[in-house]
């Protein structure tokens, strides 16, 4: 018996019946021989971590554009926080931690530069809605590894697609990631906003602090514990109505005070202009796309290829390309 087979057997001894078991996976789009050490979900997790798209997350905006401090979140640190919350909940509910972690690590791979401002700008420039969950799925299926994709299991693909949007994931592990994503970003965005001087703890409504806690760690603990308690009692992913209400109230507060705050978002207009310019330029001059995107343009259309190129950019790379296209270079021949 291989180590993988031992791990698969242990899942049946430990996990609840509703969990996603690795040896019952729906499989991959392209069949592969199983690994001798890792289960299929462990293998997916490792493929995501070693992907180029995952590494680029460290230079993509979470909320604050190009923050000068070292302690602001990026899209990468957000992803790691979502993964940790997801593992904690999955473990407590006797669900598949490896699947939850793989989904969490891949859920934002398709995010644009400049956070949601880039997402809006790309949607406006194209005239077609850009949804980062759909782009994340496209990254792992079609763009990574020179167009071969990562060939992930169908459970991971489903969880990545359904971490936001109207469709709910088929697995309980995917549903955990959907809630963990919201828990993570609401709370760490408060932390970053306080660090930036946009908020103070005193600004948070008293009834929310009374219900969820007056510190970052207490609020996360309250929401995670509510998920666990609900799952243990009901066998489903969610939280009690009162806690869910206060979490939604906190999210509404963040939209009003931070996500739409002109101080916090004062530079977003510039970033949106950069994305819009890049889209127009490459849509009108597709021959200037990197060669790896020419085949995409032939197969899926120029619009899709341009979208893939821009969505894959980090913040600083987008700025660099924009500068190269718009700022004259000094004449240096003598």
Protein backbone atom coordinates (compact mmCIF):
# COMPACT_ATOMS: atom_id res chain seq x y z
CA UNK A 1 0.00 0.00 0.00
CA UNK A 2 1.41 3.41 -0.99
CA UNK A 3 1.49 6.38 1.36
CA UNK A 4 -1.22 8.00 -0.74
CA UNK A 5 -3.47 4.98 -0.28
CA UNK A 6 -2.84 5.06 3.47
CA UNK A 7 -3.84 8.73 3.56
CA UNK A 8 -6.97 7.99 1.54
CA UNK A 9 -7.89 5.20 3.93
CA UNK A 10 -7.36 7.48 6.94
CA UNK A 11 -9.76 10.02 5.44
CA UNK A 12 -12.53 7.43 5.63
CA UNK A 13 -11.67 6.77 9.26
CA UNK A 14 -11.60 10.44 10.29
CA UNK A 15 -13.85 12.52 8.05
CA UNK A 16 -17.62 12.68 8.15
CA UNK A 17 -19.68 11.01 5.49
CA UNK A 18 -20.50 14.31 3.72
CA UNK A 19 -16.82 15.19 3.19
CA UNK A 20 -15.15 15.09 -0.20
CA UNK A 21 -12.94 12.01 -0.14
CA UNK A 22 -9.83 12.06 -2.29
CA UNK A 23 -10.32 8.51 -3.57
CA UNK A 24 -13.83 9.43 -4.70
CA UNK A 25 -12.84 12.55 -6.59
CA UNK A 26 -14.60 13.25 -9.85
CA UNK A 27 -11.15 13.31 -11.39
CA UNK A 28 -9.31 15.63 -13.73
CA UNK A 29 -10.11 16.85 -17.22
CA UNK A 30 -7.06 14.93 -18.44
CA UNK A 31 -6.50 11.59 -16.75
CA UNK A 32 -3.21 11.15 -14.89
CA UNK A 33 -1.58 8.38 -12.94
CA UNK A 34 -2.03 8.99 -9.19
CA UNK A 35 0.88 10.15 -7.08
CA UNK A 36 2.41 7.61 -4.72
CA UNK A 37 2.73 10.08 -1.83
CA UNK A 38 0.03 12.74 -2.17
CA UNK A 39 -3.72 12.53 -2.54
CA UNK A 40 -5.22 14.29 -5.55
CA UNK A 41 -6.22 17.33 -3.46
CA UNK A 42 -2.77 17.60 -1.90
CA UNK A 43 -1.31 17.48 -5.39
CA UNK A 44 -3.64 20.29 -6.52
CA UNK A 45 -2.57 22.42 -3.56
CA UNK A 46 1.09 21.98 -4.48
CA UNK A 47 0.49 22.76 -8.15
CA UNK A 48 -1.22 26.02 -7.23
CA UNK A 49 1.54 27.07 -4.82
CA UNK A 50 4.20 26.43 -7.47
CA UNK A 51 2.35 28.31 -10.21
CA UNK A 52 3.47 31.66 -11.62
CA UNK A 53 0.03 33.14 -11.02
CA UNK A 54 0.32 32.38 -7.30
CA UNK A 55 3.68 34.13 -7.06
CA UNK A 56 2.30 37.22 -8.78
CA UNK A 57 -0.27 37.68 -6.01
CA UNK A 58 2.39 39.24 -3.78
CA UNK A 59 2.43 42.33 -6.02
CA UNK A 60 -1.32 42.69 -6.48
CA UNK A 61 -3.42 45.14 -4.49
CA UNK A 62 -5.84 44.00 -1.84
CA UNK A 63 -7.37 47.37 -0.82
CA UNK A 64 -4.66 50.04 -0.60
CA UNK A 65 -2.75 50.77 -3.81
CA UNK A 66 1.05 50.51 -3.56
CA UNK A 67 1.19 50.93 0.22
CA UNK A 68 4.55 52.10 1.53
CA UNK A 69 4.31 50.24 4.83
CA UNK A 70 5.48 46.66 5.10
CA UNK A 71 2.44 45.36 6.95
CA UNK A 72 -0.44 46.05 4.57
CA UNK A 73 -2.14 43.07 3.00
CA UNK A 74 -1.58 42.07 -0.58
CA UNK A 75 -3.62 39.62 -2.60
CA UNK A 76 -1.15 36.94 -1.53
CA UNK A 77 -1.44 37.51 2.20
CA UNK A 78 -5.22 37.66 1.84
CA UNK A 79 -5.11 34.28 0.12
CA UNK A 80 -3.04 32.79 2.92
CA UNK A 81 -5.45 34.10 5.54
CA UNK A 82 -8.40 32.60 3.67
CA UNK A 83 -6.56 29.28 3.46
CA UNK A 84 -5.86 29.23 7.18
CA UNK A 85 -9.46 30.03 8.14
CA UNK A 86 -10.68 27.40 5.69
CA UNK A 87 -8.41 24.73 7.13
CA UNK A 88 -9.48 25.56 10.69
CA UNK A 89 -13.17 25.24 9.88
CA UNK A 90 -12.72 22.13 7.73
CA UNK A 91 -10.74 20.40 10.46
CA UNK A 92 -13.29 21.24 13.14
CA UNK A 93 -16.15 19.96 10.98
CA UNK A 94 -14.26 16.78 9.96
CA UNK A 95 -14.18 17.82 6.31
CA UNK A 96 -11.31 17.58 3.83
CA UNK A 97 -8.68 20.16 4.82
CA UNK A 98 -6.55 19.55 1.73
CA UNK A 99 -9.44 20.28 -0.61
CA UNK A 100 -10.43 23.41 1.32
CA UNK A 101 -6.84 24.65 1.29
CA UNK A 102 -6.37 24.01 -2.44
CA UNK A 103 -9.53 25.94 -3.29
CA UNK A 104 -8.56 28.82 -1.01
CA UNK A 105 -5.05 29.08 -2.46
CA UNK A 106 -6.43 29.22 -6.00
CA UNK A 107 -9.50 31.37 -5.52
CA UNK A 108 -7.96 34.74 -6.47
CA UNK A 109 -5.39 33.72 -9.09
CA UNK A 110 -7.33 35.56 -11.79
CA UNK A 111 -7.59 38.88 -9.99
CA UNK A 112 -6.57 41.97 -11.92
CA UNK A 113 -3.90 44.46 -10.88
CA UNK A 114 -5.17 47.28 -8.63
CA UNK A 115 -7.78 45.13 -6.89
CA UNK A 116 -11.45 45.64 -7.65
CA UNK A 117 -10.66 48.97 -9.33
CA UNK A 118 -8.83 47.02 -12.04
CA UNK A 119 -11.73 44.61 -12.29
CA UNK A 120 -14.17 47.49 -12.83
CA UNK A 121 -11.90 49.20 -15.34
CA UNK A 122 -11.46 46.05 -17.40
CA UNK A 123 -15.22 45.47 -17.41
CA UNK A 124 -15.87 49.05 -18.56
CA UNK A 125 -13.17 48.97 -21.23
CA UNK A 126 -14.39 45.68 -22.69
CA UNK A 127 -18.08 46.41 -22.36
CA UNK A 128 -18.36 42.89 -20.93
CA UNK A 129 -18.32 42.04 -17.23
CA UNK A 130 -14.98 40.75 -15.99
CA UNK A 131 -15.38 38.35 -13.08
CA UNK A 132 -12.21 37.38 -11.26
CA UNK A 133 -13.59 33.99 -10.19
CA UNK A 134 -14.13 33.04 -13.83
CA UNK A 135 -10.67 34.32 -14.69
CA UNK A 136 -9.16 32.30 -11.82
CA UNK A 137 -10.72 29.21 -13.35
CA UNK A 138 -9.32 30.17 -16.73
CA UNK A 139 -5.85 30.62 -15.26
CA UNK A 140 -5.68 27.13 -13.77
CA UNK A 141 -7.38 25.44 -16.73
CA UNK A 142 -5.86 27.19 -19.74
CA UNK A 143 -3.16 29.76 -18.99
CA UNK A 144 -0.66 28.22 -16.60
CA UNK A 145 2.19 26.04 -17.86
CA UNK A 146 2.32 27.63 -21.30
CA UNK A 147 -1.32 26.94 -22.00
CA UNK A 148 -1.46 23.41 -20.65
CA UNK A 149 -3.10 24.44 -17.39
CA UNK A 150 -2.64 22.77 -14.02
CA UNK A 151 -5.16 19.99 -14.71
CA UNK A 152 -6.75 20.27 -11.27
CA UNK A 153 -9.51 18.06 -9.94
CA UNK A 154 -13.09 19.01 -10.69
CA UNK A 155 -13.78 19.64 -7.00
CA UNK A 156 -11.06 22.30 -6.83
CA UNK A 157 -12.19 23.88 -10.11
CA UNK A 158 -15.77 24.05 -8.82
CA UNK A 159 -14.68 25.63 -5.53
CA UNK A 160 -12.56 28.28 -7.26
CA UNK A 161 -15.40 29.26 -9.59
CA UNK A 162 -18.02 29.30 -6.84
CA UNK A 163 -16.12 31.19 -4.13
CA UNK A 164 -18.17 34.20 -5.24
CA UNK A 165 -21.06 34.77 -7.62
CA UNK A 166 -24.50 33.17 -7.77
CA UNK A 167 -23.52 29.50 -7.84
CA UNK A 168 -22.75 27.72 -4.57
CA UNK A 169 -19.98 25.13 -4.58
CA UNK A 170 -20.99 21.49 -4.81
CA UNK A 171 -18.71 20.50 -1.92
CA UNK A 172 -18.96 21.61 1.68
CA UNK A 173 -15.25 22.44 1.50
CA UNK A 174 -15.90 24.87 -1.34
CA UNK A 175 -18.70 26.46 0.65
CA UNK A 176 -16.31 26.95 3.57
CA UNK A 177 -13.90 28.90 1.34
CA UNK A 178 -16.72 31.16 0.17
CA UNK A 179 -17.45 32.22 3.75
CA UNK A 180 -13.81 32.25 4.83
CA UNK A 181 -13.02 34.69 2.02
CA UNK A 182 -15.55 37.16 3.38
CA UNK A 183 -14.48 36.69 6.99
CA UNK A 184 -10.84 37.29 6.03
CA UNK A 185 -11.24 40.38 3.88
CA UNK A 186 -13.71 42.21 6.11
CA UNK A 187 -11.46 41.83 9.12
CA UNK A 188 -8.04 42.35 7.61
CA UNK A 189 -9.31 45.35 5.66
CA UNK A 190 -10.35 46.90 8.99
CA UNK A 191 -6.85 46.26 10.30
CA UNK A 192 -5.26 47.88 7.24
CA UNK A 193 -7.67 50.84 7.34
CA UNK A 194 -6.76 51.49 10.98
CA UNK A 195 -3.06 51.26 10.09
CA UNK A 196 -3.64 53.77 7.28
CA UNK A 197 -5.47 56.20 9.56
CA UNK A 198 -8.69 55.88 7.59
CA UNK A 199 -10.49 54.23 10.53
CA UNK A 200 -10.08 53.83 14.26
CA UNK A 201 -11.50 51.10 16.46
CA UNK A 202 -13.82 53.73 17.94
CA UNK A 203 -15.44 54.22 14.53
CA UNK A 204 -16.76 50.66 14.42
CA UNK A 205 -20.40 50.68 15.58
CA UNK A 206 -20.72 49.70 19.22
CA UNK A 207 -23.38 47.04 18.65
CA UNK A 208 -21.07 45.23 16.18
CA UNK A 209 -18.16 45.34 18.61
CA UNK A 210 -20.41 44.12 21.40
CA UNK A 211 -21.58 41.17 19.29
CA UNK A 212 -18.34 40.21 17.51
CA UNK A 213 -15.57 41.68 19.64
CA UNK A 214 -13.56 44.86 19.94
CA UNK A 215 -10.32 43.56 18.40
CA UNK A 216 -9.24 42.00 15.12
CA UNK A 217 -8.54 38.58 16.60
CA UNK A 218 -11.76 38.46 18.62
CA UNK A 219 -13.89 39.29 15.59
CA UNK A 220 -12.29 36.58 13.49
CA UNK A 221 -12.63 34.08 16.34
CA UNK A 222 -16.28 34.96 16.81
CA UNK A 223 -17.09 34.44 13.12
CA UNK A 224 -15.03 31.26 12.76
CA UNK A 225 -16.51 29.80 15.94
CA UNK A 226 -20.00 30.67 14.70
CA UNK A 227 -19.32 28.75 11.49
CA UNK A 228 -18.05 25.75 13.42
CA UNK A 229 -20.96 25.75 15.87
CA UNK A 230 -23.47 26.01 13.03
CA UNK A 231 -21.80 23.22 11.09
CA UNK A 232 -21.67 20.89 14.08
CA UNK A 233 -25.32 21.50 14.88
CA UNK A 234 -26.80 21.55 11.37
CA UNK A 235 -24.33 19.67 9.21
CA UNK A 236 -24.23 22.60 6.81
CA UNK A 237 -21.96 25.58 6.13
CA UNK A 238 -23.21 28.84 7.56
CA UNK A 239 -23.69 30.66 10.84
CA UNK A 240 -26.55 31.64 13.10
CA UNK A 241 -28.79 34.48 11.94
CA UNK A 242 -27.62 37.00 14.55
CA UNK A 243 -23.91 36.56 13.83
CA UNK A 244 -24.56 36.62 10.07
CA UNK A 245 -26.45 39.89 10.49
CA UNK A 246 -23.61 41.54 12.38
CA UNK A 247 -21.07 40.33 9.82
CA UNK A 248 -23.18 41.82 7.03
CA UNK A 249 -23.55 45.04 9.02
CA UNK A 250 -19.77 45.16 9.37
CA UNK A 251 -19.36 44.62 5.63
CA UNK A 252 -21.83 47.45 4.91
CA UNK A 253 -19.90 49.68 7.32
CA UNK A 254 -16.66 48.90 5.46
CA UNK A 255 -18.19 49.79 2.11
CA UNK A 256 -19.37 53.11 3.44
CA UNK A 257 -16.24 54.04 5.37
CA UNK A 258 -13.36 52.38 3.49
CA UNK A 259 -14.18 50.76 0.15
CA UNK A 260 -15.86 53.96 -1.09
CA UNK A 261 -13.78 56.37 1.00
CA UNK A 262 -12.27 59.12 -1.20
CA UNK A 263 -9.12 59.21 0.96
CA UNK A 264 -8.51 55.47 0.81
CA UNK A 265 -9.52 55.27 -2.83
CA UNK A 266 -8.14 58.57 -4.06
CA UNK A 267 -5.69 56.94 -6.49
CA UNK A 268 -8.12 54.44 -7.97
CA UNK A 269 -9.06 56.76 -10.82
CA UNK A 270 -5.47 56.71 -12.02
CA UNK A 271 -5.23 52.94 -11.82
CA UNK A 272 -8.50 52.56 -13.71
CA UNK A 273 -7.17 54.90 -16.40
CA UNK A 274 -4.04 52.75 -16.72
CA UNK A 275 -6.06 49.55 -17.18
CA UNK A 276 -8.39 51.24 -19.67
CA UNK A 277 -5.46 52.57 -21.70
CA UNK A 278 -3.70 49.21 -21.74
CA UNK A 279 -6.85 47.48 -22.93
CA UNK A 280 -7.44 49.96 -25.76
CA UNK A 281 -3.80 49.88 -26.84
CA UNK A 282 -3.48 46.10 -27.07
CA UNK A 283 -6.98 45.62 -28.50
CA UNK A 284 -6.02 47.98 -31.33
CA UNK A 285 -2.49 46.58 -31.65
CA UNK A 286 -2.71 42.86 -30.85
CA UNK A 287 0.59 42.21 -32.60
CA UNK A 288 2.25 43.98 -29.64
CA UNK A 289 1.02 41.36 -27.20
CA UNK A 290 3.69 38.97 -25.94
CA UNK A 291 4.01 36.02 -28.31
CA UNK A 292 2.49 33.57 -25.83
CA UNK A 293 -0.87 35.37 -26.22
CA UNK A 294 -1.03 35.14 -30.01
CA UNK A 295 -2.29 31.57 -29.92
CA UNK A 296 -4.97 32.63 -27.42
CA UNK A 297 -6.03 35.41 -29.77
CA UNK A 298 -6.29 32.94 -32.65
CA UNK A 299 -8.29 30.46 -30.58
CA UNK A 300 -10.46 32.67 -28.37
CA UNK A 301 -10.32 36.12 -29.95
CA UNK A 302 -8.24 39.25 -29.46
CA UNK A 303 -10.46 40.57 -26.67
CA UNK A 304 -9.92 37.46 -24.57
CA UNK A 305 -6.16 37.46 -25.16
CA UNK A 306 -5.86 41.11 -24.16
CA UNK A 307 -7.97 40.46 -21.08
CA UNK A 308 -5.77 37.49 -20.11
CA UNK A 309 -2.63 39.59 -20.49
CA UNK A 310 -3.85 42.55 -18.45
CA UNK A 311 -5.54 40.47 -15.75
CA UNK A 312 -2.31 38.58 -15.21
CA UNK A 313 -0.28 41.73 -14.60
CA UNK A 314 0.91 42.79 -11.18
CA UNK A 315 0.36 46.41 -10.16
CA UNK A 316 3.96 47.40 -10.80
CA UNK A 317 4.16 45.57 -14.13
CA UNK A 318 1.00 47.33 -15.33
CA UNK A 319 2.53 50.69 -14.39
CA UNK A 320 5.80 49.78 -16.13
CA UNK A 321 4.07 48.78 -19.37
CA UNK A 322 1.94 51.92 -19.25
CA UNK A 323 5.03 54.09 -18.79
CA UNK A 324 6.83 52.39 -21.66
CA UNK A 325 3.87 53.07 -23.93
CA UNK A 326 3.16 56.65 -22.89
CA UNK A 327 6.31 58.34 -21.61
CA UNK A 328 8.94 59.38 -24.19
CA UNK A 329 12.39 57.92 -23.71
CA UNK A 330 15.39 60.23 -23.55
CA UNK A 331 17.56 60.41 -26.67
CA UNK A 332 20.92 59.06 -25.56
CA UNK A 333 22.96 58.71 -28.77
CA UNK A 334 25.83 61.08 -29.13
